[in-house]
């Protein structure tokens, strides 16, 4: 796998993701739906993510899983930092 390319894809997806901290919603580049950013809701967005990465970036299943894990890790870290900064 070309991890340098996959990390750039993950970074691009993070940059295109909008977080509404007050409404606890994610606006993601791979669907017009928004998702509550708590885990069960976020995981529902995976099929859209999968198809987006296949269609736009030509990734295979293993690469998509890697990019999902990176994207999710970064997004959840940003959410957690905001929660800590704002005392919960």
N, C-alpha and C. Protein backbone atom coordinates (compact mmCIF):
# COMPACT_ATOMS: atom_id res chain seq x y z
N UNK A 1 0.84 -1.19 0.00
CA UNK A 1 0.00 0.00 0.00
C UNK A 1 0.88 1.24 0.00
N UNK A 2 0.40 2.26 -0.66
CA UNK A 2 1.10 3.54 -0.70
C UNK A 2 0.56 4.41 0.44
N UNK A 3 1.18 4.27 1.61
CA UNK A 3 0.69 4.97 2.80
C UNK A 3 0.76 6.48 2.67
N UNK A 4 1.74 6.97 1.94
CA UNK A 4 1.84 8.42 1.76
C UNK A 4 0.59 8.95 1.03
N UNK A 5 0.19 8.26 -0.03
CA UNK A 5 -1.01 8.64 -0.77
C UNK A 5 -2.26 8.49 0.10
N UNK A 6 -2.35 7.36 0.80
CA UNK A 6 -3.53 7.10 1.64
C UNK A 6 -3.66 8.13 2.76
N UNK A 7 -2.55 8.55 3.33
CA UNK A 7 -2.58 9.59 4.36
C UNK A 7 -3.04 10.92 3.78
N UNK A 8 -2.66 11.20 2.54
CA UNK A 8 -3.13 12.43 1.88
C UNK A 8 -4.63 12.36 1.62
N UNK A 9 -5.12 11.19 1.24
CA UNK A 9 -6.56 11.02 1.04
C UNK A 9 -7.29 11.26 2.37
N UNK A 10 -6.80 10.67 3.44
CA UNK A 10 -7.42 10.85 4.75
C UNK A 10 -7.41 12.32 5.15
N UNK A 11 -6.28 12.99 4.95
CA UNK A 11 -6.18 14.42 5.28
C UNK A 11 -7.17 15.24 4.45
N UNK A 12 -7.30 14.91 3.16
CA UNK A 12 -8.24 15.64 2.31
C UNK A 12 -9.66 15.46 2.81
N UNK A 13 -10.03 14.24 3.18
CA UNK A 13 -11.37 13.97 3.70
C UNK A 13 -11.61 14.70 5.02
N UNK A 14 -10.60 14.77 5.87
CA UNK A 14 -10.71 15.52 7.12
C UNK A 14 -10.94 17.00 6.81
N UNK A 15 -10.17 17.54 5.88
CA UNK A 15 -10.31 18.95 5.52
C UNK A 15 -11.68 19.27 4.94
N UNK A 16 -12.32 18.30 4.30
CA UNK A 16 -13.63 18.51 3.69
C UNK A 16 -14.77 18.21 4.66
N UNK A 17 -14.45 17.71 5.83
CA UNK A 17 -15.47 17.38 6.84
C UNK A 17 -15.71 18.60 7.72
N UNK A 18 -16.95 18.93 7.92
CA UNK A 18 -17.32 20.05 8.78
C UNK A 18 -17.95 19.50 10.06
N UNK A 19 -17.49 20.02 11.19
CA UNK A 19 -17.98 19.58 12.48
C UNK A 19 -18.82 20.69 13.11
N UNK A 20 -20.06 20.37 13.41
CA UNK A 20 -20.94 21.28 14.15
C UNK A 20 -20.90 20.81 15.60
N UNK A 21 -20.03 21.44 16.39
CA UNK A 21 -19.84 21.02 17.78
C UNK A 21 -21.09 21.23 18.62
N UNK A 22 -21.79 22.31 18.37
CA UNK A 22 -22.98 22.62 19.15
C UNK A 22 -24.10 21.63 18.86
N UNK A 23 -24.30 21.32 17.58
CA UNK A 23 -25.35 20.38 17.20
C UNK A 23 -24.89 18.93 17.17
N UNK A 24 -23.61 18.72 17.44
CA UNK A 24 -23.01 17.38 17.45
C UNK A 24 -23.24 16.64 16.13
N UNK A 25 -23.04 17.36 15.02
CA UNK A 25 -23.24 16.79 13.69
C UNK A 25 -21.97 16.88 12.87
N UNK A 26 -21.79 15.89 12.00
CA UNK A 26 -20.71 15.91 11.01
C UNK A 26 -21.33 16.08 9.64
N UNK A 27 -20.74 16.95 8.86
CA UNK A 27 -21.10 17.12 7.46
C UNK A 27 -19.91 16.62 6.67
N UNK A 28 -20.11 15.50 5.99
CA UNK A 28 -19.00 14.78 5.37
C UNK A 28 -19.04 14.93 3.85
N UNK A 29 -17.88 14.82 3.20
CA UNK A 29 -17.83 15.04 1.76
C UNK A 29 -18.37 13.88 0.93
N UNK A 30 -18.71 12.77 1.58
CA UNK A 30 -19.09 11.59 0.81
C UNK A 30 -20.58 11.32 0.79
N UNK A 31 -21.39 12.22 1.35
CA UNK A 31 -22.85 12.13 1.25
C UNK A 31 -23.45 13.48 1.63
N UNK A 32 -24.67 13.70 1.23
CA UNK A 32 -25.35 14.95 1.58
C UNK A 32 -26.00 14.87 2.95
N UNK A 33 -26.03 13.66 3.54
CA UNK A 33 -26.60 13.50 4.87
C UNK A 33 -25.61 13.98 5.92
N UNK A 34 -26.12 14.44 7.04
CA UNK A 34 -25.25 14.72 8.17
C UNK A 34 -25.43 13.59 9.17
N UNK A 35 -24.44 13.44 10.04
CA UNK A 35 -24.47 12.35 11.01
C UNK A 35 -24.13 12.90 12.38
N UNK A 36 -24.82 12.40 13.39
CA UNK A 36 -24.43 12.68 14.76
C UNK A 36 -23.05 12.06 14.94
N UNK A 37 -22.13 12.76 15.56
CA UNK A 37 -20.76 12.25 15.58
C UNK A 37 -20.46 11.24 16.67
N UNK A 38 -21.45 10.78 17.38
CA UNK A 38 -21.21 9.68 18.30
C UNK A 38 -21.11 8.38 17.51
N UNK A 39 -20.34 7.44 17.99
CA UNK A 39 -19.91 6.26 17.24
C UNK A 39 -21.01 5.53 16.46
N UNK A 40 -22.12 5.11 17.08
CA UNK A 40 -23.07 4.32 16.29
C UNK A 40 -23.57 5.06 15.05
N UNK A 41 -23.83 6.33 15.19
CA UNK A 41 -24.30 7.11 14.05
C UNK A 41 -23.19 7.30 13.03
N UNK A 42 -22.00 7.58 13.50
CA UNK A 42 -20.86 7.78 12.59
C UNK A 42 -20.61 6.54 11.76
N UNK A 43 -20.71 5.38 12.37
CA UNK A 43 -20.44 4.13 11.66
C UNK A 43 -21.43 3.91 10.52
N UNK A 44 -22.64 4.45 10.63
CA UNK A 44 -23.62 4.31 9.55
C UNK A 44 -23.15 5.00 8.27
N UNK A 45 -22.23 5.95 8.38
CA UNK A 45 -21.76 6.66 7.20
C UNK A 45 -20.74 5.84 6.41
N UNK A 46 -20.28 4.71 6.94
CA UNK A 46 -19.23 3.93 6.28
C UNK A 46 -19.57 3.51 4.84
N UNK A 47 -20.78 3.02 4.55
CA UNK A 47 -21.06 2.63 3.16
C UNK A 47 -20.88 3.79 2.18
N UNK A 48 -21.28 4.99 2.57
CA UNK A 48 -21.08 6.16 1.71
C UNK A 48 -19.59 6.44 1.54
N UNK A 49 -18.87 6.34 2.64
CA UNK A 49 -17.42 6.55 2.63
C UNK A 49 -16.75 5.55 1.69
N UNK A 50 -17.14 4.29 1.80
CA UNK A 50 -16.57 3.21 0.99
C UNK A 50 -16.73 3.52 -0.50
N UNK A 51 -17.95 3.83 -0.90
CA UNK A 51 -18.22 4.10 -2.31
C UNK A 51 -17.50 5.36 -2.79
N UNK A 52 -17.46 6.37 -1.97
CA UNK A 52 -16.76 7.61 -2.32
C UNK A 52 -15.28 7.33 -2.57
N UNK A 53 -14.65 6.59 -1.69
CA UNK A 53 -13.22 6.30 -1.84
C UNK A 53 -12.95 5.42 -3.06
N UNK A 54 -13.86 4.52 -3.36
CA UNK A 54 -13.72 3.69 -4.56
C UNK A 54 -13.87 4.55 -5.81
N UNK A 55 -14.92 5.35 -5.86
CA UNK A 55 -15.24 6.11 -7.06
C UNK A 55 -14.28 7.27 -7.30
N UNK A 56 -13.94 8.01 -6.26
CA UNK A 56 -13.13 9.22 -6.41
C UNK A 56 -11.63 8.92 -6.41
N UNK A 57 -11.20 8.03 -5.52
CA UNK A 57 -9.76 7.80 -5.35
C UNK A 57 -9.30 6.45 -5.90
N UNK A 58 -10.22 5.59 -6.32
CA UNK A 58 -9.87 4.29 -6.88
C UNK A 58 -9.25 3.33 -5.88
N UNK A 59 -9.64 3.46 -4.61
CA UNK A 59 -9.05 2.63 -3.57
C UNK A 59 -9.71 1.26 -3.53
N UNK A 60 -8.92 0.27 -3.09
CA UNK A 60 -9.48 -1.07 -2.87
C UNK A 60 -9.95 -1.17 -1.42
N UNK A 61 -10.54 -2.31 -1.07
CA UNK A 61 -11.15 -2.46 0.26
C UNK A 61 -10.13 -2.27 1.39
N UNK A 62 -8.96 -2.85 1.25
CA UNK A 62 -7.93 -2.74 2.29
C UNK A 62 -7.49 -1.28 2.48
N UNK A 63 -7.33 -0.57 1.38
CA UNK A 63 -6.94 0.84 1.44
C UNK A 63 -8.04 1.69 2.06
N UNK A 64 -9.29 1.38 1.73
CA UNK A 64 -10.42 2.14 2.27
C UNK A 64 -10.51 1.96 3.78
N UNK A 65 -10.30 0.76 4.26
CA UNK A 65 -10.32 0.51 5.69
C UNK A 65 -9.23 1.31 6.39
N UNK A 66 -8.04 1.35 5.78
CA UNK A 66 -6.94 2.14 6.35
C UNK A 66 -7.32 3.62 6.41
N UNK A 67 -7.85 4.16 5.32
CA UNK A 67 -8.22 5.58 5.27
C UNK A 67 -9.36 5.87 6.25
N UNK A 68 -10.35 4.99 6.33
CA UNK A 68 -11.45 5.17 7.30
C UNK A 68 -10.89 5.28 8.71
N UNK A 69 -10.00 4.36 9.07
CA UNK A 69 -9.43 4.36 10.42
C UNK A 69 -8.70 5.66 10.71
N UNK A 70 -7.92 6.15 9.73
CA UNK A 70 -7.20 7.42 9.91
C UNK A 70 -8.16 8.59 10.02
N UNK A 71 -9.13 8.65 9.11
CA UNK A 71 -10.11 9.74 9.10
C UNK A 71 -10.88 9.76 10.42
N UNK A 72 -11.39 8.60 10.82
CA UNK A 72 -12.17 8.51 12.05
C UNK A 72 -11.33 8.90 13.27
N UNK A 73 -10.09 8.44 13.31
CA UNK A 73 -9.20 8.78 14.42
C UNK A 73 -9.01 10.29 14.55
N UNK A 74 -8.76 10.94 13.44
CA UNK A 74 -8.52 12.40 13.44
C UNK A 74 -9.80 13.14 13.83
N UNK A 75 -10.94 12.76 13.24
CA UNK A 75 -12.20 13.44 13.53
C UNK A 75 -12.57 13.28 15.00
N UNK A 76 -12.46 12.07 15.52
CA UNK A 76 -12.81 11.85 16.92
C UNK A 76 -11.85 12.59 17.86
N UNK A 77 -10.59 12.71 17.46
CA UNK A 77 -9.63 13.47 18.26
C UNK A 77 -10.02 14.95 18.30
N UNK A 78 -10.44 15.49 17.16
CA UNK A 78 -10.87 16.89 17.11
C UNK A 78 -12.09 17.12 17.99
N UNK A 79 -13.04 16.19 17.95
CA UNK A 79 -14.24 16.29 18.77
C UNK A 79 -13.88 16.23 20.25
N UNK A 80 -13.01 15.29 20.62
CA UNK A 80 -12.60 15.14 22.01
C UNK A 80 -11.87 16.39 22.51
N UNK A 81 -10.97 16.94 21.69
CA UNK A 81 -10.26 18.17 22.07
C UNK A 81 -11.25 19.29 22.35
N UNK A 82 -12.29 19.42 21.51
CA UNK A 82 -13.27 20.46 21.73
C UNK A 82 -14.04 20.23 23.02
N UNK A 83 -14.41 18.98 23.29
CA UNK A 83 -15.16 18.67 24.52
C UNK A 83 -14.32 19.01 25.75
N UNK A 84 -13.03 18.67 25.72
CA UNK A 84 -12.14 18.95 26.85
C UNK A 84 -11.96 20.45 27.00
N UNK A 85 -11.75 21.14 25.88
CA UNK A 85 -11.54 22.59 25.91
C UNK A 85 -12.75 23.30 26.50
N UNK A 86 -13.94 22.80 26.21
CA UNK A 86 -15.16 23.43 26.68
C UNK A 86 -15.73 22.75 27.91
N UNK A 87 -14.90 22.00 28.59
CA UNK A 87 -15.27 21.33 29.86
C UNK A 87 -16.48 20.43 29.73
N UNK A 88 -16.46 19.61 28.70
CA UNK A 88 -17.45 18.55 28.63
C UNK A 88 -18.56 18.72 27.72
